[in-house]
Amino acid sequence: MGAFIEAITTQNGMTPEYEAEVIPGLEPFAMDEIRGRLQSQVLGLQHSRAGFLRFRCGGEPARLHSLRSVIALYRIHKFDIPRPKALLGHQHFSRLLKIMAENAQLFPRRPRTMGIGAAGSRSSVMSRLHEELAAALRLECTSDKGELYLRILPNRDKRCWEVLARTTLQPLSKRDYRLKDMPGSLNATVAYAMTQVNPTGDNAAVINLCSGSSTILIEHALQRPGGRLLAIDKHPAMIIAGRRNSAASGASPGIHHLRADATRTPLPPATADRLYADLPFGNLVGSHDDNRLLYPAVLQEAARLARPGAAFVVLTHEIALMRDSLRGSPWEAVSESRVNLRGLHPCLFVLRRNSARI
């Protein structure tokens, strides 16, 4: 297997090139993680366009699959053709089949379905290419991304076309520990980014208000084991889901769950070195009228729980309400980062206590 992997990690004598798909707005977090994890092995890392990074990297592709800020990773293959129809020609089609077969051999099991993403993916040319590739590989065609997934797009200089093969059966953002997703559950790559803002020490006391299915604390625990982590939510179903997911992640010994109102917890003051909250957006969970009462109350309770110097990292789609709630509160915004979640554009707020207002 080692010789096989080494044989396919070079293309025309060059270090393999990859494209990482990330949540638009979180590119800096992904670039930091790629540099930190891969160090000298990563070459030419660049932000190619919104939501995508490109780089070259040698070594075994499996190393890249530990990236937690990346939605999906693709290996880039260039075809010197004027238009996608040429991929149906014998030479290019044979090469494309070889790429897909080699890609699939890196999976833990044989894929069952195949999808293609491209501009004009429903055109006759793309439909035929999809059908013929799937038939040759004995896979089922699917209208979604499928387990073996290709993207086809023109090169940036328009001189050739690129085939990007996803390197895993499922997107990297699909966490194995997510046994049960609840309405409004947070994207795991966003949760990871929240844990990377002004990171805490390994033994910090961390509280997640409105914790939902505990994705944020699980991502925190997987990066910094040994802390004292407490998930607080008033809904029994969320507490149950959080406990199940925590157990599945292997991080459950460090994560405790408390059913309580996030605006009136039974905890003593000055308890937390760090706080998180993924506040209700007011669409799938909660309403705007509910949030008008919730947001100021959560800010006050978080300030009571925070130790001096503690940060409060908050994600919300109710940006105007959040800014209004901060006025006169014990917190001030250190930074705001907008992200794009499938048409929603929430903001990641990093807050610090304003001692003059306490």
Protein backbone atom coordinates (compact mmCIF):
# COMPACT_ATOMS: atom_id res chain seq x y z
CA MET A 1 0.00 0.00 0.00
CA GLY A 2 2.85 2.42 0.81
CA ALA A 3 4.33 2.00 -2.68
CA PHE A 4 0.89 2.48 -4.23
CA ILE A 5 0.30 5.72 -2.31
CA GLU A 6 3.75 7.03 -3.21
CA ALA A 7 3.13 6.20 -6.86
CA ILE A 8 -0.05 8.26 -7.07
CA THR A 9 1.16 11.28 -5.06
CA THR A 10 3.08 12.70 -7.98
CA GLN A 11 1.61 14.01 -11.18
CA ASN A 12 3.95 14.65 -14.09
CA GLY A 13 6.81 14.78 -11.58
CA MET A 14 5.22 17.64 -9.63
CA THR A 15 4.00 17.81 -6.06
CA PRO A 16 0.24 17.12 -6.03
CA GLU A 17 -2.02 20.16 -6.04
CA TYR A 18 -5.15 20.38 -3.89
CA GLU A 19 -8.14 22.63 -3.42
CA ALA A 20 -9.70 22.98 0.02
CA GLU A 21 -13.33 24.06 0.23
CA VAL A 22 -14.07 26.11 3.35
CA ILE A 23 -16.88 28.22 4.78
CA PRO A 24 -16.61 31.64 3.09
CA GLY A 25 -15.39 34.05 5.72
CA LEU A 26 -13.35 31.44 7.59
CA GLU A 27 -10.48 31.21 5.10
CA PRO A 28 -7.93 32.70 7.58
CA PHE A 29 -8.68 29.93 10.11
CA ALA A 30 -8.22 27.24 7.44
CA MET A 31 -4.96 28.79 6.21
CA ASP A 32 -3.60 28.86 9.76
CA GLU A 33 -4.56 25.23 10.32
CA ILE A 34 -3.07 24.04 7.02
CA ARG A 35 0.21 25.82 7.75
CA GLY A 36 0.25 24.57 11.34
CA ARG A 37 -0.49 20.92 10.56
CA LEU A 38 1.47 20.51 7.32
CA GLN A 39 4.28 23.01 8.00
CA SER A 40 7.10 22.67 5.44
CA GLN A 41 5.16 20.16 3.33
CA VAL A 42 2.67 22.77 2.14
CA LEU A 43 3.70 24.93 -0.81
CA GLY A 44 2.06 27.92 -2.50
CA LEU A 45 -0.94 28.18 -0.16
CA GLN A 46 -3.25 30.88 -1.49
CA HIS A 47 -6.81 32.11 -1.18
CA SER A 48 -7.97 31.44 -4.75
CA ARG A 49 -11.56 32.71 -4.42
CA ALA A 50 -14.28 32.98 -1.79
CA GLY A 51 -14.53 29.67 0.04
CA PHE A 52 -11.56 27.98 -1.65
CA LEU A 53 -7.83 27.64 -0.96
CA ARG A 54 -5.19 26.07 -3.20
CA PHE A 55 -1.85 24.55 -2.29
CA ARG A 56 0.62 21.80 -3.13
CA CYS A 57 1.52 19.12 -0.63
CA GLY A 58 3.64 15.97 -0.78
CA GLY A 59 3.40 12.85 1.35
CA GLU A 60 0.42 10.62 2.04
CA PRO A 61 -2.99 12.23 1.28
CA ALA A 62 -4.38 10.78 4.54
CA ARG A 63 -2.47 13.47 6.46
CA LEU A 64 -4.74 16.07 4.91
CA HIS A 65 -7.87 14.35 6.17
CA SER A 66 -7.23 15.49 9.74
CA LEU A 67 -7.99 19.11 8.78
CA ARG A 68 -10.96 20.30 10.86
CA SER A 69 -11.52 23.73 9.29
CA VAL A 70 -12.07 22.29 5.79
CA ILE A 71 -15.44 21.25 4.36
CA ALA A 72 -13.95 19.05 1.64
CA LEU A 73 -10.58 18.41 0.01
CA TYR A 74 -10.01 17.84 -3.72
CA ARG A 75 -7.04 16.64 -5.74
CA ILE A 76 -6.60 18.79 -8.87
CA HIS A 77 -5.96 17.15 -12.26
CA LYS A 78 -5.43 19.32 -15.35
CA PHE A 79 -6.63 18.35 -18.83
CA ASP A 80 -5.33 20.22 -21.87
CA ILE A 81 -8.69 20.34 -23.65
CA PRO A 82 -10.75 23.20 -25.15
CA ARG A 83 -14.08 22.09 -23.67
CA PRO A 84 -15.48 19.29 -21.44
CA LYS A 85 -16.82 17.31 -24.41
CA ALA A 86 -13.23 16.24 -25.09
CA LEU A 87 -13.30 14.23 -21.86
CA LEU A 88 -15.49 11.72 -23.71
CA GLY A 89 -12.63 10.98 -26.13
CA HIS A 90 -10.79 7.69 -25.55
CA GLN A 91 -7.49 9.15 -24.30
CA HIS A 92 -8.97 11.62 -21.82
CA PHE A 93 -11.78 9.29 -20.74
CA SER A 94 -9.27 6.52 -19.97
CA ARG A 95 -7.16 8.93 -17.91
CA LEU A 96 -10.25 10.13 -16.08
CA LEU A 97 -11.25 6.56 -15.23
CA LYS A 98 -7.74 5.88 -13.90
CA ILE A 99 -7.89 8.99 -11.70
CA MET A 100 -11.24 7.98 -10.25
CA ALA A 101 -10.20 4.36 -9.66
CA GLU A 102 -6.98 5.43 -7.89
CA ASN A 103 -8.91 7.94 -5.81
CA ALA A 104 -11.45 5.31 -4.74
CA GLN A 105 -8.70 2.91 -3.65
CA LEU A 106 -7.80 5.36 -0.87
CA PHE A 107 -11.30 5.13 0.60
CA PRO A 108 -12.00 2.82 3.56
CA ARG A 109 -14.60 1.00 1.47
CA ARG A 110 -15.75 0.89 -2.12
CA PRO A 111 -18.00 3.84 -3.06
CA ARG A 112 -21.55 3.11 -4.17
CA THR A 113 -22.62 6.38 -5.78
CA MET A 114 -21.05 8.96 -8.05
CA GLY A 115 -21.80 12.64 -8.64
CA ILE A 116 -20.47 15.42 -10.86
CA GLY A 117 -20.49 19.12 -10.10
CA ALA A 118 -19.97 21.53 -12.97
CA ALA A 119 -21.45 24.53 -14.67
CA GLY A 120 -24.00 23.00 -17.03
CA SER A 121 -24.05 19.75 -15.08
CA ARG A 122 -27.46 18.97 -16.60
CA SER A 123 -26.28 19.51 -20.15
CA SER A 124 -26.25 16.57 -22.54
CA VAL A 125 -22.44 16.41 -22.49
CA MET A 126 -22.20 16.33 -18.70
CA SER A 127 -25.09 13.91 -18.38
CA ARG A 128 -23.44 11.54 -20.84
CA LEU A 129 -20.06 11.86 -19.11
CA HIS A 130 -21.67 11.18 -15.74
CA GLU A 131 -23.52 8.12 -17.02
CA GLU A 132 -20.54 6.62 -18.86
CA LEU A 133 -18.14 7.10 -15.96
CA ALA A 134 -20.60 5.59 -13.49
CA ALA A 135 -21.28 2.65 -15.79
CA ALA A 136 -17.57 1.97 -16.32
CA LEU A 137 -16.95 2.02 -12.57
CA ARG A 138 -20.20 0.19 -11.77
CA LEU A 139 -21.51 2.98 -9.59
CA GLU A 140 -24.95 4.49 -9.24
CA CYS A 141 -25.45 7.96 -10.75
CA THR A 142 -26.76 10.45 -8.24
CA SER A 143 -27.99 14.01 -8.60
CA ASP A 144 -26.28 15.02 -5.36
CA LYS A 145 -22.56 14.84 -4.65
CA GLY A 146 -22.43 11.12 -4.05
CA GLU A 147 -19.55 9.24 -2.45
CA LEU A 148 -17.20 9.48 -5.43
CA TYR A 149 -17.48 13.12 -6.38
CA LEU A 150 -15.87 15.14 -9.17
CA ARG A 151 -15.97 18.85 -9.95
CA ILE A 152 -15.16 20.00 -13.48
CA LEU A 153 -14.26 23.63 -14.15
CA PRO A 154 -12.11 25.76 -16.43
CA ASN A 155 -8.64 26.69 -15.28
CA ARG A 156 -8.30 30.27 -14.05
CA ASP A 157 -6.36 31.30 -17.16
CA LYS A 158 -9.01 29.55 -19.36
CA ARG A 159 -6.29 27.55 -21.16
CA CYS A 160 -7.35 24.13 -19.94
CA TRP A 161 -9.96 22.36 -17.82
CA GLU A 162 -9.55 20.89 -14.38
CA VAL A 163 -11.06 17.79 -12.81
CA LEU A 164 -11.13 17.98 -9.03
CA ALA A 165 -11.62 14.63 -7.29
CA ARG A 166 -12.81 14.69 -3.68
CA THR A 167 -10.31 12.68 -1.65
CA THR A 168 -12.79 11.23 0.86
CA LEU A 169 -16.08 9.32 0.77
CA GLN A 170 -17.83 12.02 2.79
CA PRO A 171 -17.00 15.70 3.30
CA LEU A 172 -14.48 16.34 6.06
CA SER A 173 -17.07 18.57 7.76
CA LYS A 174 -19.29 15.51 8.34
CA ARG A 175 -18.11 14.44 11.78
CA ASP A 176 -18.45 10.83 12.85
CA TYR A 177 -19.49 11.89 16.34
CA ARG A 178 -22.62 13.66 15.08
CA LEU A 179 -24.94 10.75 15.81
CA LYS A 180 -27.94 13.05 16.00
CA ASP A 181 -28.31 16.45 14.38
CA MET A 182 -30.84 18.80 15.90
CA PRO A 183 -32.65 21.66 14.10
CA GLY A 184 -30.23 24.55 13.72
CA SER A 185 -27.17 22.41 14.58
CA LEU A 186 -23.93 24.27 14.04
CA ASN A 187 -21.63 23.40 11.15
CA ALA A 188 -18.64 21.63 12.72
CA THR A 189 -16.04 23.63 10.79
CA VAL A 190 -17.54 26.86 12.17
CA ALA A 191 -17.44 25.36 15.66
CA TYR A 192 -13.77 24.52 15.15
CA ALA A 193 -13.04 28.11 14.07
CA MET A 194 -14.75 29.42 17.21
CA THR A 195 -12.34 27.38 19.33
CA GLN A 196 -9.34 28.89 17.54
CA VAL A 197 -10.09 32.52 18.49
CA ASN A 198 -7.69 33.56 21.27
CA PRO A 199 -7.18 29.89 22.25
CA THR A 200 -7.24 28.95 25.93
CA GLY A 201 -4.83 26.76 27.86
CA ASP A 202 -5.37 23.03 28.16
CA ASN A 203 -6.85 23.19 31.67
CA ALA A 204 -9.24 26.11 31.20
CA ALA A 205 -12.76 26.18 32.62
CA VAL A 206 -15.08 26.61 29.62
CA ILE A 207 -18.84 27.16 29.53
CA ASN A 208 -21.02 26.83 26.43
CA LEU A 209 -24.36 28.63 26.89
CA CYS A 210 -27.22 27.48 24.60
CA SER A 211 -25.02 24.48 23.85
CA GLY A 212 -27.35 22.55 21.55
CA SER A 213 -25.80 19.24 20.49
CA SER A 214 -22.41 20.18 22.03
CA THR A 215 -20.50 20.55 18.76
CA ILE A 216 -18.48 23.55 20.00
CA LEU A 217 -17.31 21.87 23.19
CA ILE A 218 -16.48 18.64 21.37
CA GLU A 219 -14.31 20.53 18.89
CA HIS A 220 -12.69 22.37 21.82
CA ALA A 221 -12.03 19.14 23.73
CA LEU A 222 -10.53 17.39 20.70
CA GLN A 223 -7.98 20.20 20.35
CA ARG A 224 -7.34 20.83 24.05
CA PRO A 225 -8.04 17.76 26.21
CA GLY A 226 -7.94 18.13 29.96
CA GLY A 227 -10.12 21.19 30.40
CA ARG A 228 -13.25 21.51 32.53
CA LEU A 229 -16.05 21.92 30.01
CA LEU A 230 -19.72 22.53 30.77
CA ALA A 231 -22.57 22.52 28.22
CA ILE A 232 -25.71 24.36 29.33
CA ASP A 233 -29.07 24.12 27.55
CA LYS A 234 -32.64 24.25 28.84
CA HIS A 235 -34.04 21.73 26.34
CA PRO A 236 -33.87 18.05 27.41
CA ALA A 237 -33.52 16.86 23.79
CA MET A 238 -30.42 19.02 23.34
CA ILE A 239 -28.84 17.68 26.52
CA ILE A 240 -29.49 14.10 25.38
CA ALA A 241 -28.06 14.78 21.91
CA GLY A 242 -25.04 16.52 23.42
CA ARG A 243 -24.27 13.61 25.72
CA ARG A 244 -24.59 11.08 22.89
CA ASN A 245 -22.35 13.09 20.56
CA SER A 246 -19.77 13.71 23.29
CA ALA A 247 -19.59 10.00 24.06
CA ALA A 248 -19.19 9.15 20.38
CA SER A 249 -16.35 11.68 20.01
CA GLY A 250 -14.33 10.16 22.85
CA ALA A 251 -14.30 13.55 24.58
CA SER A 252 -17.08 12.77 27.08
CA PRO A 253 -14.89 12.51 30.23
CA GLY A 254 -14.08 16.21 29.95
CA ILE A 255 -17.55 17.47 28.98
CA HIS A 256 -20.39 17.78 31.48
CA HIS A 257 -23.98 18.70 30.64
CA LEU A 258 -26.35 20.80 32.70
CA ARG A 259 -30.00 21.41 31.94
CA ALA A 260 -30.54 25.04 32.90
CA ASP A 261 -31.70 28.39 31.57
CA ALA A 262 -28.69 30.12 29.98
CA THR A 263 -29.88 33.45 31.39
CA ARG A 264 -30.10 32.18 35.01
CA THR A 265 -27.61 29.41 35.66
CA PRO A 266 -27.09 27.94 39.16
CA LEU A 267 -23.33 28.53 38.92
CA PRO A 268 -21.28 30.83 41.14
CA PRO A 269 -19.83 34.03 39.65
CA ALA A 270 -16.34 34.22 38.09
CA THR A 271 -16.47 30.54 37.04
CA ALA A 272 -15.30 30.52 33.41
CA ASP A 273 -12.00 31.25 31.67
CA ARG A 274 -13.88 31.22 28.37
CA LEU A 275 -17.48 31.17 27.15
CA TYR A 276 -19.15 30.15 23.89
CA ALA A 277 -22.65 30.59 22.55
CA ASP A 278 -24.33 29.73 19.25
CA LEU A 279 -27.36 31.92 19.85
CA PRO A 280 -30.70 31.14 18.14
CA PHE A 281 -30.92 32.71 14.69
CA GLY A 282 -34.67 33.21 14.99
CA ASN A 283 -35.63 31.02 11.99
CA LEU A 284 -35.26 27.27 12.68
CA VAL A 285 -34.86 27.89 16.40
CA GLY A 286 -36.51 30.68 18.37
CA SER A 287 -37.98 33.91 17.04
CA HIS A 288 -36.91 37.52 16.79
CA ASP A 289 -39.24 38.51 19.62
CA ASP A 290 -37.79 35.78 21.84
CA ASN A 291 -34.26 36.86 20.93
CA ARG A 292 -34.92 40.47 21.94
CA LEU A 293 -35.24 39.24 25.50
CA LEU A 294 -32.72 36.42 25.29
CA TYR A 295 -29.67 38.24 23.92
CA PRO A 296 -29.30 40.96 26.62
CA ALA A 297 -29.99 38.40 29.35
CA VAL A 298 -27.35 35.97 28.02
CA LEU A 299 -24.78 38.79 27.85
CA GLN A 300 -25.47 39.71 31.48
CA GLU A 301 -25.26 36.12 32.70
CA ALA A 302 -22.07 35.47 30.72
CA ALA A 303 -20.50 38.55 32.30
CA ARG A 304 -21.40 37.22 35.76
CA LEU A 305 -19.81 33.86 34.97
CA ALA A 306 -16.66 35.24 33.32
CA ARG A 307 -13.38 35.51 35.15
CA PRO A 308 -11.20 38.59 34.50
CA GLY A 309 -9.72 38.35 31.02
CA ALA A 310 -12.23 35.74 29.80
CA ALA A 311 -13.38 35.93 26.19
CA PHE A 312 -16.93 35.27 25.02
CA VAL A 313 -17.16 33.88 21.47
CA VAL A 314 -20.66 34.19 20.00
CA LEU A 315 -22.19 33.22 16.67
CA THR A 316 -25.49 34.83 15.63
CA HIS A 317 -27.50 35.79 12.58
CA GLU A 318 -29.26 38.53 14.55
CA ILE A 319 -26.38 40.95 13.97
CA ALA A 320 -28.26 44.22 14.51
CA LEU A 321 -29.87 42.86 17.67
CA MET A 322 -26.49 41.69 18.95
CA ARG A 323 -24.93 45.11 18.39
CA ASP A 324 -27.87 46.79 20.11
CA SER A 325 -27.64 44.37 23.04
CA LEU A 326 -23.93 45.10 23.46
CA ARG A 327 -24.58 48.80 24.02
CA GLY A 328 -24.56 49.35 27.76
CA SER A 329 -23.76 45.67 28.44
CA PRO A 330 -20.66 44.48 30.32
CA TRP A 331 -19.13 43.36 26.98
CA GLU A 332 -17.52 45.05 24.01
CA ALA A 333 -16.75 43.55 20.61
CA VAL A 334 -13.08 42.89 19.88
CA SER A 335 -13.82 41.59 16.37
CA GLU A 336 -16.66 40.63 14.04
CA SER A 337 -16.32 38.09 11.21
CA ARG A 338 -19.12 37.41 8.71
CA VAL A 339 -19.50 33.88 7.37
CA ASN A 340 -21.68 32.40 4.63
CA LEU A 341 -23.73 29.35 5.64
CA ARG A 342 -25.77 28.32 2.58
CA GLY A 343 -27.41 31.70 2.14
CA LEU A 344 -27.38 32.70 5.81
CA HIS A 345 -24.73 35.24 6.76
CA PRO A 346 -24.18 35.05 10.52
CA CYS A 347 -21.44 36.91 12.34
CA LEU A 348 -18.80 35.57 14.68
CA PHE A 349 -18.36 38.04 17.57
CA VAL A 350 -15.38 37.92 19.89
CA LEU A 351 -16.24 39.82 23.09
CA ARG A 352 -14.31 40.97 26.13
CA ARG A 353 -15.63 42.31 29.39
CA ASN A 354 -15.69 46.06 29.85
CA SER A 355 -14.82 46.41 33.53
CA ALA A 356 -16.17 49.97 33.61
CA ARG A 357 -19.68 48.66 32.97
CA ILE A 358 -19.71 45.89 35.56
